[in-house]
Amino acid sequence: MRDTLSFSVLAFAGLGLWAQPTLAAELPNLPSGLVPQLFEEFVEVKPDGIFTYARFRFVAPELRENASLDYEALADDFLVLCEQYALPKLSDQPEPIDRVIISFSDRAIEFGLSDPDAIQFFEQFTLKSGACIWEQF
């Protein structure tokens, strides 16, 4: 069983584990032109206790509708979301965050479940000295 703490407990009073959709105006403009909605954000402590992850999960139905929105088209979006969206949200975080994971999916999928028909993209960043550093898998 995963050990998660919602941002409502750690930094954002009033928000539950399942975040309300974020208005496009609250998100930075993305290089690809994609306009996703925030589906969920939470902090997860891995069972080994070594790293703490902040996950930002976005839904973008355009991924299914527009075949040109492949990983290469979205690659810069991940860094922009980490630097301009995740870092500011985590600035008042009382617990240290080691990694940020940004994901896009064409539909809302419950965390931990798979949907072979879903289009999904993920990227992971290490946080170091206030910067997002891409983690190559």
Protein backbone atom coordinates (compact mmCIF):
# COMPACT_ATOMS: atom_id res chain seq x y z
CA MET A 1 0.00 0.00 0.00
CA ARG A 2 1.39 3.38 -0.92
CA ASP A 3 1.84 6.02 1.72
CA THR A 4 0.46 9.28 0.39
CA LEU A 5 -0.14 12.64 1.93
CA SER A 6 -2.31 15.06 0.07
CA PHE A 7 -1.20 18.62 -0.44
CA SER A 8 -4.14 19.62 1.74
CA VAL A 9 -2.24 18.16 4.68
CA LEU A 10 1.19 19.41 3.68
CA ALA A 11 0.79 22.76 2.02
CA PHE A 12 -2.57 23.65 0.59
CA ALA A 13 -5.25 23.93 3.24
CA GLY A 14 -8.66 23.07 1.89
CA LEU A 15 -7.58 20.99 -1.11
CA GLY A 16 -8.35 17.31 -1.01
CA LEU A 17 -6.35 14.46 -2.49
CA TRP A 18 -8.37 14.74 -5.68
CA ALA A 19 -7.67 18.23 -6.93
CA GLN A 20 -10.25 20.38 -8.61
CA PRO A 21 -9.57 20.96 -12.31
CA THR A 22 -7.19 23.87 -12.69
CA LEU A 23 -8.20 26.61 -15.07
CA ALA A 24 -5.92 26.99 -18.08
CA ALA A 25 -5.15 30.56 -16.98
CA GLU A 26 -3.52 29.17 -13.82
CA LEU A 27 -1.15 26.97 -15.80
CA PRO A 28 1.80 28.37 -17.74
CA ASN A 29 1.57 28.46 -21.51
CA LEU A 30 3.11 25.28 -22.81
CA PRO A 31 5.46 25.20 -25.82
CA SER A 32 3.36 22.53 -27.54
CA GLY A 33 0.17 24.58 -27.23
CA LEU A 34 -1.41 21.80 -25.14
CA VAL A 35 -3.93 23.07 -22.58
CA PRO A 36 -4.26 20.30 -19.98
CA GLN A 37 -6.34 20.28 -16.82
CA LEU A 38 -4.90 19.28 -13.49
CA PHE A 39 -6.45 15.97 -12.48
CA GLU A 40 -4.58 15.21 -9.30
CA GLU A 41 -1.60 16.29 -7.25
CA PHE A 42 -0.18 14.57 -4.21
CA VAL A 43 2.97 13.75 -2.29
CA GLU A 44 4.04 10.13 -2.13
CA VAL A 45 6.68 8.64 0.14
CA LYS A 46 8.09 5.52 -1.43
CA PRO A 47 7.94 2.38 0.71
CA ASP A 48 11.74 2.28 0.97
CA GLY A 49 11.54 5.71 2.59
CA ILE A 50 14.42 7.02 0.48
CA PHE A 51 12.64 9.50 -1.80
CA THR A 52 9.57 11.68 -1.54
CA TYR A 53 7.76 12.36 -4.80
CA ALA A 54 5.34 15.14 -5.73
CA ARG A 55 3.08 13.97 -8.52
CA PHE A 56 1.21 16.33 -10.83
CA ARG A 57 -1.19 14.44 -13.08
CA PHE A 58 -2.83 16.22 -16.01
CA VAL A 59 -5.62 15.20 -18.39
CA ALA A 60 -5.52 16.35 -22.00
CA PRO A 61 -8.13 14.79 -24.32
CA GLU A 62 -6.28 16.46 -27.23
CA LEU A 63 -3.68 13.68 -26.96
CA ARG A 64 -6.17 11.29 -28.54
CA GLU A 65 -7.54 13.84 -31.00
CA ASN A 66 -4.21 15.17 -32.32
CA ALA A 67 -1.64 12.58 -33.41
CA SER A 68 1.06 15.27 -33.69
CA LEU A 69 1.04 15.58 -29.88
CA ASP A 70 3.56 12.81 -29.36
CA TYR A 71 6.35 12.71 -26.79
CA GLU A 72 8.70 14.84 -28.88
CA ALA A 73 6.05 17.56 -29.21
CA LEU A 74 5.45 17.52 -25.45
CA ALA A 75 9.02 17.14 -24.17
CA ASP A 76 9.52 20.82 -23.31
CA ASP A 77 6.08 21.01 -21.64
CA PHE A 78 7.25 18.79 -18.79
CA LEU A 79 10.10 21.12 -17.82
CA VAL A 80 7.87 24.20 -18.07
CA LEU A 81 5.28 22.59 -15.79
CA CYS A 82 7.94 21.51 -13.32
CA GLU A 83 9.65 24.91 -13.16
CA GLN A 84 6.68 27.25 -13.51
CA TYR A 85 3.88 25.25 -11.88
CA ALA A 86 5.20 22.53 -9.55
CA LEU A 87 8.10 24.44 -7.97
CA PRO A 88 5.95 27.42 -6.92
CA LYS A 89 3.34 25.06 -5.46
CA LEU A 90 6.03 23.24 -3.51
CA SER A 91 7.83 26.37 -2.25
CA ASP A 92 6.05 26.31 1.13
CA GLN A 93 6.18 22.53 1.45
CA PRO A 94 7.28 21.67 5.00
CA GLU A 95 8.65 18.26 3.98
CA PRO A 96 11.56 18.01 1.51
CA ILE A 97 10.55 16.79 -1.95
CA ASP A 98 13.18 14.79 -3.83
CA ARG A 99 11.45 14.21 -7.15
CA VAL A 100 8.63 15.69 -9.21
CA ILE A 101 6.72 13.53 -11.65
CA ILE A 102 4.61 15.23 -14.32
CA SER A 103 2.22 13.13 -16.37
CA PHE A 104 -0.27 13.68 -19.18
CA SER A 105 -3.06 11.30 -20.07
CA ASP A 106 -5.88 11.55 -22.58
CA ARG A 107 -8.35 10.51 -19.84
CA ALA A 108 -8.61 10.42 -16.06
CA ILE A 109 -7.18 7.16 -14.77
CA GLU A 110 -7.07 6.29 -11.10
CA PHE A 111 -3.50 6.32 -9.82
CA GLY A 112 -1.95 2.87 -9.85
CA LEU A 113 -4.38 1.41 -12.35
CA SER A 114 -3.61 0.76 -15.99
CA ASP A 115 -5.68 1.38 -19.07
CA PRO A 116 -4.10 -0.08 -22.21
CA ASP A 117 -6.22 2.21 -24.39
CA ALA A 118 -5.02 5.38 -22.69
CA ILE A 119 -2.36 7.64 -24.14
CA GLN A 120 0.04 8.60 -21.35
CA PHE A 121 3.35 10.42 -21.07
CA PHE A 122 5.50 10.80 -17.93
CA GLU A 123 8.65 12.63 -16.93
CA GLN A 124 10.58 12.72 -13.69
CA PHE A 125 12.73 15.52 -12.30
CA THR A 126 15.10 15.73 -9.36
CA LEU A 127 14.78 18.92 -7.35
CA LYS A 128 18.14 20.46 -6.58
CA SER A 129 18.90 24.04 -5.52
CA GLY A 130 15.42 25.17 -6.57
CA ALA A 131 15.71 23.75 -10.07
CA CYS A 132 14.09 20.86 -11.94
CA ILE A 133 16.70 18.48 -13.31
CA TRP A 134 15.42 15.95 -15.83
CA GLU A 135 15.96 12.34 -14.79
CA GLN A 136 16.75 10.12 -17.75
CA PHE A 137 15.37 6.64 -17.15
